[in-house]
Amino acid sequence: MTDSRTFSCSDGAADLAGSWGRVPAGQRRRRLYGLLGALPPRRRAIGAKSLSLECRAGLTLEKLELDLNGRQPVPAWYLRPADAAALPAPAVLYCHYHAGRYDLGKDEFLLAKPEAGLPSWAESLAAGGYAALCIDAWGFGERSGRSELDLFKEAIWQGQSLWGLMVYDALRALDYLAGRPEVNPRRLAALGMSMGSTMAWWLAALDRRIKVCVDICCLTDYEAWSQSGDLSGHGIYYFVPGLRKRFTTAGINALIAPRAHLGLAGIRDPLTPPTGLDRIERELGEVYRRAGHPDRWRLSRYDVGHEETAAMRVEALAFLKTHL
């Protein structure tokens, strides 16, 4: 369905009582997805090849190669739940960060942060009894080689967007995760840091199967960030043609309600200006209040920059335990 109307950048705030408030959530999701460009159908079968199975301290990892898009094999790590008695297990789609580490990709899931006293997210989720999946996004890990800019240009030529291709693969990865026999498809979460944070809340907005969203250090308000005068903090992957004419950050995240959503932000993070966090917290607080579940939305701010801390990890895991 096409829509010839345009909305100002403030319309996401007016969604609560204005024009968007009268548009059904399903229609808003279709409009949001439509902005991502000409993507393949999601009904095609997903192929999966198991490449290895290895046991590390406290966890069992399966290396996979997934056919998610029909164009390029997608390498992935799958964390098997340890407690067979607790099956089917809740599961987390872990979305890796960017950080300019094109070589890293999905291996960030396995990366400890000793400077913050943190184990890897794989270790933390394994200890909690979760299954988890993390894929290499376009241009990262075993899919690196072509530059982010080249991938973006190629996508635009094809009537697509690089972010759209990334979101599509992540949604198909969610399809695969939900279909694993040891996973409870009614207990799915999306989680990530930085680029992975943005991916987590986009996925939760687009797919209602995600019951819990935890985003770390990238709940960026588009308007506030634009007003900061420096858009270099995000790579070219981040920019979706026409997005700000249709949606604000709060307008996208409102589609997650009334499902559980935790945002973790650093007050000294240039990617999340305080005025933008204020706006998101206020608007989503009202959305969740009207939905009758104010307890399911929380934005916690820490006196740090663009980084995850031990306290953030504790809060994220507690939120998953409570709501998933």
C-alpha atoms as a PDB file:
ATOM      1  CA  MET A   1       0.000   0.000   0.000  1.00  0.00           C
ATOM      2  CA  THR A   2       1.325   3.444  -0.876  1.00  0.00           C
ATOM      3  CA  ASP A   3       0.647   6.662   0.995  1.00  0.00           C
ATOM      4  CA  SER A   4       1.005  10.042  -0.665  1.00  0.00           C
ATOM      5  CA  ARG A   5       0.932  11.990   2.613  1.00  0.00           C
ATOM      6  CA  THR A   6       4.109  13.347   4.165  1.00  0.00           C
ATOM      7  CA  PHE A   7       4.724  14.046   7.824  1.00  0.00           C
ATOM      8  CA  SER A   8       7.046  16.483   9.489  1.00  0.00           C
ATOM      9  CA  CYS A   9       9.911  15.211  11.604  1.00  0.00           C
ATOM     10  CA  SER A  10       7.869  15.957  14.710  1.00  0.00           C
ATOM     11  CA  ASP A  11       5.014  13.673  13.695  1.00  0.00           C
ATOM     12  CA  GLY A  12       6.464  10.758  15.648  1.00  0.00           C
ATOM     13  CA  ALA A  13       5.785  12.781  18.798  1.00  0.00           C
ATOM     14  CA  ALA A  14       2.282  13.584  17.610  1.00  0.00           C
ATOM     15  CA  ASP A  15       1.661   9.889  16.949  1.00  0.00           C
ATOM     16  CA  LEU A  16       0.235   9.508  20.439  1.00  0.00           C
ATOM     17  CA  ALA A  17      -2.874  11.570  19.724  1.00  0.00           C
ATOM     18  CA  GLY A  18      -2.421  12.693  16.132  1.00  0.00           C
ATOM     19  CA  SER A  19      -2.390  11.166  12.676  1.00  0.00           C
ATOM     20  CA  TRP A  20      -0.291   8.084  13.462  1.00  0.00           C
ATOM     21  CA  GLY A  21      -2.472   7.309  16.462  1.00  0.00           C
ATOM     22  CA  ARG A  22      -5.279   6.570  14.007  1.00  0.00           C
ATOM     23  CA  VAL A  23      -3.141   4.320  11.801  1.00  0.00           C
ATOM     24  CA  PRO A  24      -3.157   0.654  12.913  1.00  0.00           C
ATOM     25  CA  ALA A  25       0.186  -0.673  14.116  1.00  0.00           C
ATOM     26  CA  GLY A  26       0.262  -3.328  11.396  1.00  0.00           C
ATOM     27  CA  GLN A  27      -0.031  -0.666   8.732  1.00  0.00           C
ATOM     28  CA  ARG A  28       2.724   1.383  10.342  1.00  0.00           C
ATOM     29  CA  ARG A  29       4.970  -1.694  10.378  1.00  0.00           C
ATOM     30  CA  ARG A  30       4.342  -2.261   6.681  1.00  0.00           C
ATOM     31  CA  ARG A  31       5.187   1.380   5.938  1.00  0.00           C
ATOM     32  CA  LEU A  32       8.383   1.160   7.975  1.00  0.00           C
ATOM     33  CA  TYR A  33       9.425  -2.066   6.272  1.00  0.00           C
ATOM     34  CA  GLY A  34       8.579  -0.560   2.892  1.00  0.00           C
ATOM     35  CA  LEU A  35      11.129   2.207   3.417  1.00  0.00           C
ATOM     36  CA  LEU A  36      13.895  -0.411   3.454  1.00  0.00           C
ATOM     37  CA  GLY A  37      13.616  -0.934  -0.308  1.00  0.00           C
ATOM     38  CA  ALA A  38      12.964  -3.863  -2.631  1.00  0.00           C
ATOM     39  CA  LEU A  39      13.731  -6.868  -0.447  1.00  0.00           C
ATOM     40  CA  PRO A  40      13.306 -10.573  -1.273  1.00  0.00           C
ATOM     41  CA  PRO A  41      10.163 -12.363  -0.080  1.00  0.00           C
ATOM     42  CA  ARG A  42      10.388 -13.768   3.434  1.00  0.00           C
ATOM     43  CA  ARG A  43       8.540 -16.989   2.634  1.00  0.00           C
ATOM     44  CA  ARG A  44      11.469 -18.776   0.977  1.00  0.00           C
ATOM     45  CA  ALA A  45      12.952 -21.748   2.813  1.00  0.00           C
ATOM     46  CA  ILE A  46      16.048 -21.207   4.959  1.00  0.00           C
ATOM     47  CA  GLY A  47      18.953 -23.523   4.312  1.00  0.00           C
ATOM     48  CA  ALA A  48      21.324 -24.367   7.161  1.00  0.00           C
ATOM     49  CA  LYS A  49      24.649 -26.208   7.185  1.00  0.00           C
ATOM     50  CA  SER A  50      26.359 -27.156  10.438  1.00  0.00           C
ATOM     51  CA  LEU A  51      30.110 -26.577  10.094  1.00  0.00           C
ATOM     52  CA  SER A  52      31.343 -27.439  13.575  1.00  0.00           C
ATOM     53  CA  LEU A  53      30.312 -28.064  17.161  1.00  0.00           C
ATOM     54  CA  GLU A  54      32.616 -27.052  19.962  1.00  0.00           C
ATOM     55  CA  CYS A  55      32.498 -26.973  23.722  1.00  0.00           C
ATOM     56  CA  ARG A  56      34.083 -24.056  25.505  1.00  0.00           C
ATOM     57  CA  ALA A  57      34.050 -23.267  29.210  1.00  0.00           C
ATOM     58  CA  GLY A  58      30.386 -23.416  30.171  1.00  0.00           C
ATOM     59  CA  LEU A  59      28.947 -23.283  26.655  1.00  0.00           C
ATOM     60  CA  THR A  60      28.388 -25.252  23.486  1.00  0.00           C
ATOM     61  CA  LEU A  61      28.708 -23.394  20.189  1.00  0.00           C
ATOM     62  CA  GLU A  62      27.645 -24.519  16.752  1.00  0.00           C
ATOM     63  CA  LYS A  63      29.122 -22.814  13.722  1.00  0.00           C
ATOM     64  CA  LEU A  64      26.516 -22.497  10.999  1.00  0.00           C
ATOM     65  CA  GLU A  65      26.237 -21.346   7.428  1.00  0.00           C
ATOM     66  CA  LEU A  66      22.731 -20.091   6.699  1.00  0.00           C
ATOM     67  CA  ASP A  67      21.008 -19.383   3.399  1.00  0.00           C
ATOM     68  CA  LEU A  68      18.900 -16.417   4.463  1.00  0.00           C
ATOM     69  CA  ASN A  69      18.721 -14.288   1.327  1.00  0.00           C
ATOM     70  CA  GLY A  70      19.513 -16.498  -1.676  1.00  0.00           C
ATOM     71  CA  ARG A  71      22.501 -14.345  -2.564  1.00  0.00           C
ATOM     72  CA  GLN A  72      25.266 -14.812  -0.046  1.00  0.00           C
ATOM     73  CA  PRO A  73      25.854 -17.494   2.625  1.00  0.00           C
ATOM     74  CA  VAL A  74      25.574 -16.067   6.119  1.00  0.00           C
ATOM     75  CA  PRO A  75      27.973 -17.422   8.762  1.00  0.00           C
ATOM     76  CA  ALA A  76      26.558 -17.604  12.292  1.00  0.00           C
ATOM     77  CA  TRP A  77      27.238 -18.732  15.823  1.00  0.00           C
ATOM     78  CA  TYR A  78      24.481 -20.644  17.566  1.00  0.00           C
ATOM     79  CA  LEU A  79      24.646 -21.033  21.329  1.00  0.00           C
ATOM     80  CA  ARG A  80      23.000 -24.263  22.417  1.00  0.00           C
ATOM     81  CA  PRO A  81      21.144 -24.158  25.745  1.00  0.00           C
ATOM     82  CA  ALA A  82      23.004 -26.220  28.337  1.00  0.00           C
ATOM     83  CA  ASP A  83      20.126 -27.508  30.466  1.00  0.00           C
ATOM     84  CA  ALA A  84      18.222 -30.140  28.503  1.00  0.00           C
ATOM     85  CA  ALA A  85      15.675 -30.375  31.323  1.00  0.00           C
ATOM     86  CA  ALA A  86      14.669 -26.749  30.706  1.00  0.00           C
ATOM     87  CA  LEU A  87      13.898 -27.191  27.007  1.00  0.00           C
ATOM     88  CA  PRO A  88      12.395 -25.603  25.036  1.00  0.00           C
ATOM     89  CA  ALA A  89      14.540 -22.652  26.071  1.00  0.00           C
ATOM     90  CA  PRO A  90      14.078 -18.904  25.735  1.00  0.00           C
ATOM     91  CA  ALA A  91      16.302 -17.528  22.997  1.00  0.00           C
ATOM     92  CA  VAL A  92      18.115 -14.306  22.153  1.00  0.00           C
ATOM     93  CA  LEU A  93      18.991 -12.952  18.731  1.00  0.00           C
ATOM     94  CA  TYR A  94      22.250 -11.158  19.469  1.00  0.00           C
ATOM     95  CA  CYS A  95      23.074  -8.309  17.067  1.00  0.00           C
ATOM     96  CA  HIS A  96      26.783  -7.456  16.874  1.00  0.00           C
ATOM     97  CA  TYR A  97      28.231  -3.969  16.972  1.00  0.00           C
ATOM     98  CA  HIS A  98      30.026  -2.003  14.246  1.00  0.00           C
ATOM     99  CA  ALA A  99      32.973  -0.160  15.875  1.00  0.00           C
ATOM    100  CA  GLY A 100      34.726  -0.102  12.504  1.00  0.00           C
ATOM    101  CA  ARG A 101      35.657  -3.755  13.157  1.00  0.00           C
ATOM    102  CA  TYR A 102      34.614  -5.196   9.827  1.00  0.00           C
ATOM    103  CA  ASP A 103      36.839  -8.184  10.545  1.00  0.00           C
ATOM    104  CA  LEU A 104      34.998  -9.051  13.761  1.00  0.00           C
ATOM    105  CA  GLY A 105      31.264  -9.304  13.046  1.00  0.00           C
ATOM    106  CA  LYS A 106      29.609 -12.203  14.839  1.00  0.00           C
ATOM    107  CA  ASP A 107      32.774 -12.934  16.837  1.00  0.00           C
ATOM    108  CA  GLU A 108      31.921  -9.897  18.979  1.00  0.00           C
ATOM    109  CA  PHE A 109      29.356 -12.225  20.575  1.00  0.00           C
ATOM    110  CA  LEU A 110      32.301 -14.268  21.903  1.00  0.00           C
ATOM    111  CA  LEU A 111      34.429 -11.284  22.924  1.00  0.00           C
ATOM    112  CA  ALA A 112      35.033 -10.600  26.623  1.00  0.00           C
ATOM    113  CA  LYS A 113      35.576  -7.030  27.834  1.00  0.00           C
ATOM    114  CA  PRO A 114      38.215  -7.387  30.549  1.00  0.00           C
ATOM    115  CA  GLU A 115      38.613  -3.610  30.920  1.00  0.00           C
ATOM    116  CA  ALA A 116      34.994  -3.510  32.139  1.00  0.00           C
ATOM    117  CA  GLY A 117      35.221  -6.801  33.991  1.00  0.00           C
ATOM    118  CA  LEU A 118      32.741  -8.402  31.610  1.00  0.00           C
ATOM    119  CA  PRO A 119      32.632 -11.903  30.149  1.00  0.00           C
ATOM    120  CA  SER A 120      31.398 -12.332  26.598  1.00  0.00           C
ATOM    121  CA  TRP A 121      27.689 -12.075  25.943  1.00  0.00           C
ATOM    122  CA  ALA A 122      27.814 -15.736  24.907  1.00  0.00           C
ATOM    123  CA  GLU A 123      29.031 -16.654  28.397  1.00  0.00           C
ATOM    124  CA  SER A 124      26.449 -14.457  30.128  1.00  0.00           C
ATOM    125  CA  LEU A 125      23.562 -15.872  28.096  1.00  0.00           C
ATOM    126  CA  ALA A 126      24.768 -19.448  28.493  1.00  0.00           C
ATOM    127  CA  ALA A 127      24.865 -18.972  32.272  1.00  0.00           C
ATOM    128  CA  GLY A 128      21.257 -17.763  32.123  1.00  0.00           C
ATOM    129  CA  GLY A 129      20.066 -20.847  30.246  1.00  0.00           C
ATOM    130  CA  TYR A 130      19.340 -19.098  26.947  1.00  0.00           C
ATOM    131  CA  ALA A 131      19.814 -20.257  23.404  1.00  0.00           C
ATOM    132  CA  ALA A 132      21.246 -17.538  21.176  1.00  0.00           C
ATOM    133  CA  LEU A 133      22.116 -16.795  17.564  1.00  0.00           C
ATOM    134  CA  CYS A 134      24.458 -14.186  16.114  1.00  0.00           C
ATOM    135  CA  ILE A 135      25.065 -13.728  12.379  1.00  0.00           C
ATOM    136  CA  ASP A 136      27.612 -11.755  10.399  1.00  0.00           C
ATOM    137  CA  ALA A 137      25.891  -8.656   9.028  1.00  0.00           C
ATOM    138  CA  TRP A 138      26.580  -7.565   5.448  1.00  0.00           C
ATOM    139  CA  GLY A 139      30.201  -6.397   5.201  1.00  0.00           C
ATOM    140  CA  PHE A 140      31.334  -7.884   8.527  1.00  0.00           C
ATOM    141  CA  GLY A 141      33.248 -10.912   9.740  1.00  0.00           C
ATOM    142  CA  GLU A 142      33.347 -13.644   7.119  1.00  0.00           C
ATOM    143  CA  ARG A 143      31.196 -11.442   4.885  1.00  0.00           C
ATOM    144  CA  SER A 144      33.718  -8.598   4.850  1.00  0.00           C
ATOM    145  CA  GLY A 145      35.777  -7.726   1.794  1.00  0.00           C
ATOM    146  CA  ARG A 146      33.677  -5.138   0.016  1.00  0.00           C
ATOM    147  CA  SER A 147      33.566  -1.737   1.668  1.00  0.00           C
ATOM    148  CA  GLU A 148      30.488  -0.483   3.469  1.00  0.00           C
ATOM    149  CA  LEU A 149      30.264   2.389   0.995  1.00  0.00           C
ATOM    150  CA  ASP A 150      30.372   0.053  -2.015  1.00  0.00           C
ATOM    151  CA  LEU A 151      27.661  -2.140  -0.501  1.00  0.00           C
ATOM    152  CA  PHE A 152      25.527   0.946   0.116  1.00  0.00           C
ATOM    153  CA  LYS A 153      25.961   2.180  -3.476  1.00  0.00           C
ATOM    154  CA  GLU A 154      25.172  -1.230  -4.948  1.00  0.00           C
ATOM    155  CA  ALA A 155      22.016  -1.472  -2.844  1.00  0.00           C
ATOM    156  CA  ILE A 156      20.802   1.977  -3.931  1.00  0.00           C
ATOM    157  CA  TRP A 157      21.303   1.000  -7.588  1.00  0.00           C
ATOM    158  CA  GLN A 158      19.025  -1.993  -6.983  1.00  0.00           C
ATOM    159  CA  GLY A 159      16.307   0.052  -5.280  1.00  0.00           C
ATOM    160  CA  GLN A 160      17.375  -1.245  -1.874  1.00  0.00           C
ATOM    161  CA  SER A 161      19.233   0.098   1.140  1.00  0.00           C
ATOM    162  CA  LEU A 162      22.154  -1.426   2.987  1.00  0.00           C
ATOM    163  CA  TRP A 163      20.279  -1.154   6.277  1.00  0.00           C
ATOM    164  CA  GLY A 164      17.335  -2.887   4.633  1.00  0.00           C
ATOM    165  CA  LEU A 165      19.549  -5.801   3.560  1.00  0.00           C
ATOM    166  CA  MET A 166      20.915  -6.046   7.102  1.00  0.00           C
ATOM    167  CA  VAL A 167      17.444  -5.951   8.656  1.00  0.00           C
ATOM    168  CA  TYR A 168      16.157  -8.544   6.191  1.00  0.00           C
ATOM    169  CA  ASP A 169      18.927 -10.996   7.081  1.00  0.00           C
ATOM    170  CA  ALA A 170      18.342 -10.424  10.799  1.00  0.00           C
ATOM    171  CA  LEU A 171      14.607 -11.064  10.434  1.00  0.00           C
ATOM    172  CA  ARG A 172      15.340 -14.272   8.548  1.00  0.00           C
ATOM    173  CA  ALA A 173      17.817 -15.226  11.272  1.00  0.00           C
ATOM    174  CA  LEU A 174      14.955 -14.755  13.733  1.00  0.00           C
ATOM    175  CA  ASP A 175      12.849 -17.092  11.579  1.00  0.00           C
ATOM    176  CA  TYR A 176      15.604 -19.693  11.810  1.00  0.00           C
ATOM    177  CA  LEU A 177      16.077 -19.237  15.549  1.00  0.00           C
ATOM    178  CA  ALA A 178      12.343 -19.552  16.220  1.00  0.00           C
ATOM    179  CA  GLY A 179      12.304 -22.815  14.259  1.00  0.00           C
ATOM    180  CA  ARG A 180      15.073 -24.537  16.219  1.00  0.00           C
ATOM    181  CA  PRO A 181      13.540 -27.536  18.049  1.00  0.00           C
ATOM    182  CA  GLU A 182      15.153 -26.633  21.378  1.00  0.00           C
ATOM    183  CA  VAL A 183      13.857 -23.027  21.271  1.00  0.00           C
ATOM    184  CA  ASN A 184      10.561 -21.761  22.633  1.00  0.00           C
ATOM    185  CA  PRO A 185       9.307 -19.487  19.809  1.00  0.00           C
ATOM    186  CA  ARG A 186       7.091 -17.595  22.255  1.00  0.00           C
ATOM    187  CA  ARG A 187      10.090 -16.495  24.332  1.00  0.00           C
ATOM    188  CA  LEU A 188      12.341 -14.564  21.936  1.00  0.00           C
ATOM    189  CA  ALA A 189      14.442 -11.465  22.603  1.00  0.00           C
ATOM    190  CA  ALA A 190      16.605  -9.103  20.556  1.00  0.00           C
ATOM    191  CA  LEU A 191      19.724  -7.618  22.118  1.00  0.00           C
ATOM    192  CA  GLY A 192      22.681  -5.599  20.937  1.00  0.00           C
ATOM    193  CA  MET A 193      25.179  -2.819  21.476  1.00  0.00           C
ATOM    194  CA  SER A 194      25.715   0.221  19.215  1.00  0.00           C
ATOM    195  CA  MET A 195      24.801  -0.855  15.644  1.00  0.00           C
ATOM    196  CA  GLY A 196      23.402  -3.981  17.290  1.00  0.00           C
ATOM    197  CA  SER A 197      21.300  -1.796  19.567  1.00  0.00           C
ATOM    198  CA  THR A 198      19.707  -0.055  16.602  1.00  0.00           C
ATOM    199  CA  MET A 199      19.140  -3.429  14.959  1.00  0.00           C
ATOM    200  CA  ALA A 200      17.485  -4.793  18.109  1.00  0.00           C
ATOM    201  CA  TRP A 201      14.878  -2.039  18.301  1.00  0.00           C
ATOM    202  CA  TRP A 202      14.196  -2.072  14.565  1.00  0.00           C
ATOM    203  CA  LEU A 203      13.632  -5.826  14.688  1.00  0.00           C
ATOM    204  CA  ALA A 204      11.374  -5.596  17.736  1.00  0.00           C
ATOM    205  CA  ALA A 205       9.360  -2.840  16.053  1.00  0.00           C
ATOM    206  CA  LEU A 206       8.916  -4.920  12.893  1.00  0.00           C
ATOM    207  CA  ASP A 207       8.385  -8.395  14.360  1.00  0.00           C
ATOM    208  CA  ARG A 208       5.929  -9.017  17.185  1.00  0.00           C
ATOM    209  CA  ARG A 209       7.465 -12.417  17.964  1.00  0.00           C
ATOM    210  CA  ILE A 210      10.196 -10.541  19.838  1.00  0.00           C
ATOM    211  CA  LYS A 211       8.889 -10.305  23.393  1.00  0.00           C
ATOM    212  CA  VAL A 212      11.849  -8.428  24.891  1.00  0.00           C
ATOM    213  CA  CYS A 213      14.134  -5.786  23.397  1.00  0.00           C
ATOM    214  CA  VAL A 214      17.354  -4.670  25.120  1.00  0.00           C
ATOM    215  CA  ASP A 215      19.310  -1.941  23.355  1.00  0.00           C
ATOM    216  CA  ILE A 216      22.656  -0.698  24.642  1.00  0.00           C
ATOM    217  CA  CYS A 217      24.094   2.706  23.715  1.00  0.00           C
ATOM    218  CA  CYS A 218      22.266   3.565  20.523  1.00  0.00           C
ATOM    219  CA  LEU A 219      18.712   4.658  21.133  1.00  0.00           C
ATOM    220  CA  THR A 220      19.503   7.686  19.003  1.00  0.00           C
ATOM    221  CA  ASP A 221      16.824  10.318  18.509  1.00  0.00           C
ATOM    222  CA  TYR A 222      17.142  11.271  14.843  1.00  0.00           C
ATOM    223  CA  GLU A 223      16.120  14.902  15.270  1.00  0.00           C
ATOM    224  CA  ALA A 224      18.359  15.625  18.257  1.00  0.00           C
ATOM    225  CA  TRP A 225      21.307  13.918  16.612  1.00  0.00           C
ATOM    226  CA  SER A 226      20.768  15.838  13.379  1.00  0.00           C
ATOM    227  CA  GLN A 227      20.643  19.097  15.320  1.00  0.00           C
ATOM    228  CA  SER A 228      24.019  18.267  16.866  1.00  0.00           C
ATOM    229  CA  GLY A 229      25.512  19.146  13.487  1.00  0.00           C
ATOM    230  CA  ASP A 230      27.704  16.053  13.088  1.00  0.00           C
ATOM    231  CA  LEU A 231      26.291  12.972  11.375  1.00  0.00           C
ATOM    232  CA  SER A 232      29.632  11.194  11.111  1.00  0.00           C
ATOM    233  CA  GLY A 233      29.087   9.040  14.196  1.00  0.00           C
ATOM    234  CA  HIS A 234      27.196   6.393  12.253  1.00  0.00           C
ATOM    235  CA  GLY A 235      28.427   4.699   9.115  1.00  0.00           C
ATOM    236  CA  ILE A 236      26.631   5.029   5.787  1.00  0.00           C
ATOM    237  CA  TYR A 237      24.737   1.788   6.569  1.00  0.00           C
ATOM    238  CA  TYR A 238      22.550   3.739   9.025  1.00  0.00           C
ATOM    239  CA  PHE A 239      20.820   6.006   6.539  1.00  0.00           C
ATOM    240  CA  VAL A 240      17.484   4.939   5.065  1.00  0.00           C
ATOM    241  CA  PRO A 241      16.051   7.128   2.272  1.00  0.00           C
ATOM    242  CA  GLY A 242      12.916   8.991   3.337  1.00  0.00           C
ATOM    243  CA  LEU A 243      12.927   7.689   6.904  1.00  0.00           C
ATOM    244  CA  ARG A 244      12.724  11.032   8.710  1.00  0.00           C
ATOM    245  CA  LYS A 245       9.785  12.149   6.551  1.00  0.00           C
ATOM    246  CA  ARG A 246       7.787   9.230   7.950  1.00  0.00           C
ATOM    247  CA  PHE A 247       9.128   8.252  11.363  1.00  0.00           C
ATOM    248  CA  THR A 248      10.932   9.509  14.409  1.00  0.00           C
ATOM    249  CA  THR A 249      12.912   7.225  16.677  1.00  0.00           C
ATOM    250  CA  ALA A 250      10.079   7.273  19.206  1.00  0.00           C
ATOM    251  CA  GLY A 251       7.604   6.540  16.416  1.00  0.00           C
ATOM    252  CA  ILE A 252       9.494   3.381  15.473  1.00  0.00           C
ATOM    253  CA  ASN A 253       9.956   2.275  19.060  1.00  0.00           C
ATOM    254  CA  ALA A 254       6.276   2.844  19.836  1.00  0.00           C
ATOM    255  CA  LEU A 255       5.648  -0.216  17.647  1.00  0.00           C
ATOM    256  CA  ILE A 256       7.351  -2.373  20.286  1.00  0.00           C
ATOM    257  CA  ALA A 257       4.737  -1.512  22.936  1.00  0.00           C
ATOM    258  CA  PRO A 258       3.343  -3.152  24.993  1.00  0.00           C
ATOM    259  CA  ARG A 259       6.199  -5.676  24.801  1.00  0.00           C
ATOM    260  CA  ALA A 260       9.116  -5.286  27.223  1.00  0.00           C
ATOM    261  CA  HIS A 261      11.806  -2.795  26.223  1.00  0.00           C
ATOM    262  CA  LEU A 262      14.932  -1.697  28.087  1.00  0.00           C
ATOM    263  CA  GLY A 263      17.151   1.078  26.796  1.00  0.00           C
ATOM    264  CA  LEU A 264      20.611   1.580  28.326  1.00  0.00           C
ATOM    265  CA  ALA A 265      22.372   4.838  27.506  1.00  0.00           C
ATOM    266  CA  GLY A 266      25.506   6.766  28.416  1.00  0.00           C
ATOM    267  CA  ILE A 267      24.857  10.415  29.225  1.00  0.00           C
ATOM    268  CA  ARG A 268      28.235  11.332  27.670  1.00  0.00           C
ATOM    269  CA  ASP A 269      27.572   9.352  24.493  1.00  0.00           C
ATOM    270  CA  PRO A 270      27.569  11.744  21.487  1.00  0.00           C
ATOM    271  CA  LEU A 271      25.269   9.364  19.591  1.00  0.00           C
ATOM    272  CA  THR A 272      22.477   9.762  22.150  1.00  0.00           C
ATOM    273  CA  PRO A 273      22.101  13.489  22.888  1.00  0.00           C
ATOM    274  CA  PRO A 274      20.333  14.068  26.242  1.00  0.00           C
ATOM    275  CA  THR A 275      17.527  16.092  24.662  1.00  0.00           C
ATOM    276  CA  GLY A 276      16.768  13.150  22.401  1.00  0.00           C
ATOM    277  CA  LEU A 277      16.786  10.691  25.289  1.00  0.00           C
ATOM    278  CA  ASP A 278      14.407  12.997  27.159  1.00  0.00           C
ATOM    279  CA  ARG A 279      12.033  13.025  24.195  1.00  0.00           C
ATOM    280  CA  ILE A 280      12.113   9.258  23.723  1.00  0.00           C
ATOM    281  CA  GLU A 281      11.659   8.561  27.427  1.00  0.00           C
ATOM    282  CA  ARG A 282       8.702  10.936  27.647  1.00  0.00           C
ATOM    283  CA  GLU A 283       6.924   9.716  24.523  1.00  0.00           C
ATOM    284  CA  LEU A 284       7.440   6.007  25.084  1.00  0.00           C
ATOM    285  CA  GLY A 285       6.474   6.409  28.726  1.00  0.00           C
ATOM    286  CA  GLU A 286       3.137   7.750  27.540  1.00  0.00           C
ATOM    287  CA  VAL A 287       2.756   4.977  24.952  1.00  0.00           C
ATOM    288  CA  TYR A 288       3.314   2.276  27.555  1.00  0.00           C
ATOM    289  CA  ARG A 289       1.096   4.032  30.089  1.00  0.00           C
ATOM    290  CA  ARG A 290      -1.745   4.117  27.593  1.00  0.00           C
ATOM    291  CA  ALA A 291      -1.120   0.470  26.755  1.00  0.00           C
ATOM    292  CA  GLY A 292      -1.544  -0.384  30.454  1.00  0.00           C
ATOM    293  CA  HIS A 293       2.010  -1.667  30.956  1.00  0.00           C
ATOM    294  CA  PRO A 294       4.234   1.205  32.177  1.00  0.00           C
ATOM    295  CA  ASP A 295       6.503  -1.341  33.901  1.00  0.00           C
ATOM    296  CA  ARG A 296       7.581  -2.845  30.586  1.00  0.00           C
ATOM    297  CA  TRP A 297       9.462   0.237  29.374  1.00  0.00           C
ATOM    298  CA  ARG A 298      12.591   1.604  31.031  1.00  0.00           C
ATOM    299  CA  LEU A 299      15.384   3.905  29.926  1.00  0.00           C
ATOM    300  CA  SER A 300      18.386   3.790  32.258  1.00  0.00           C
ATOM    301  CA  ARG A 301      21.158   6.359  31.940  1.00  0.00           C
ATOM    302  CA  TYR A 302      24.727   5.874  33.114  1.00  0.00           C
ATOM    303  CA  ASP A 303      27.529   8.400  33.528  1.00  0.00           C
ATOM    304  CA  VAL A 304      29.615   6.965  30.674  1.00  0.00           C
ATOM    305  CA  GLY A 305      30.159   7.452  26.978  1.00  0.00           C
ATOM    306  CA  HIS A 306      29.532   4.958  24.190  1.00  0.00           C
ATOM    307  CA  GLU A 307      30.356   1.855  26.196  1.00  0.00           C
ATOM    308  CA  GLU A 308      28.812  -1.036  28.069  1.00  0.00           C
ATOM    309  CA  THR A 309      29.528  -1.289  31.788  1.00  0.00           C
ATOM    310  CA  ALA A 310      29.228  -4.097  34.317  1.00  0.00           C
ATOM    311  CA  ALA A 311      26.195  -2.365  35.829  1.00  0.00           C
ATOM    312  CA  MET A 312      24.520  -2.252  32.416  1.00  0.00           C
ATOM    313  CA  ARG A 313      25.151  -5.975  31.953  1.00  0.00           C
ATOM    314  CA  VAL A 314      23.578  -6.756  35.339  1.00  0.00           C
ATOM    315  CA  GLU A 315      20.512  -4.652  34.515  1.00  0.00           C
ATOM    316  CA  ALA A 316      20.127  -6.170  31.046  1.00  0.00           C
ATOM    317  CA  LEU A 317      20.299  -9.739  32.336  1.00  0.00           C
ATOM    318  CA  ALA A 318      17.853  -8.988  35.144  1.00  0.00           C
ATOM    319  CA  PHE A 319      15.426  -7.468  32.619  1.00  0.00           C
ATOM    320  CA  LEU A 320      15.668 -10.545  30.405  1.00  0.00           C
ATOM    321  CA  LYS A 321      15.068 -12.802  33.387  1.00  0.00           C
ATOM    322  CA  THR A 322      12.015 -10.831  34.477  1.00  0.00           C
ATOM    323  CA  HIS A 323      10.343 -10.463  31.092  1.00  0.00           C
ATOM    324  CA  LEU A 324      11.520 -13.446  29.037  1.00  0.00           C
END
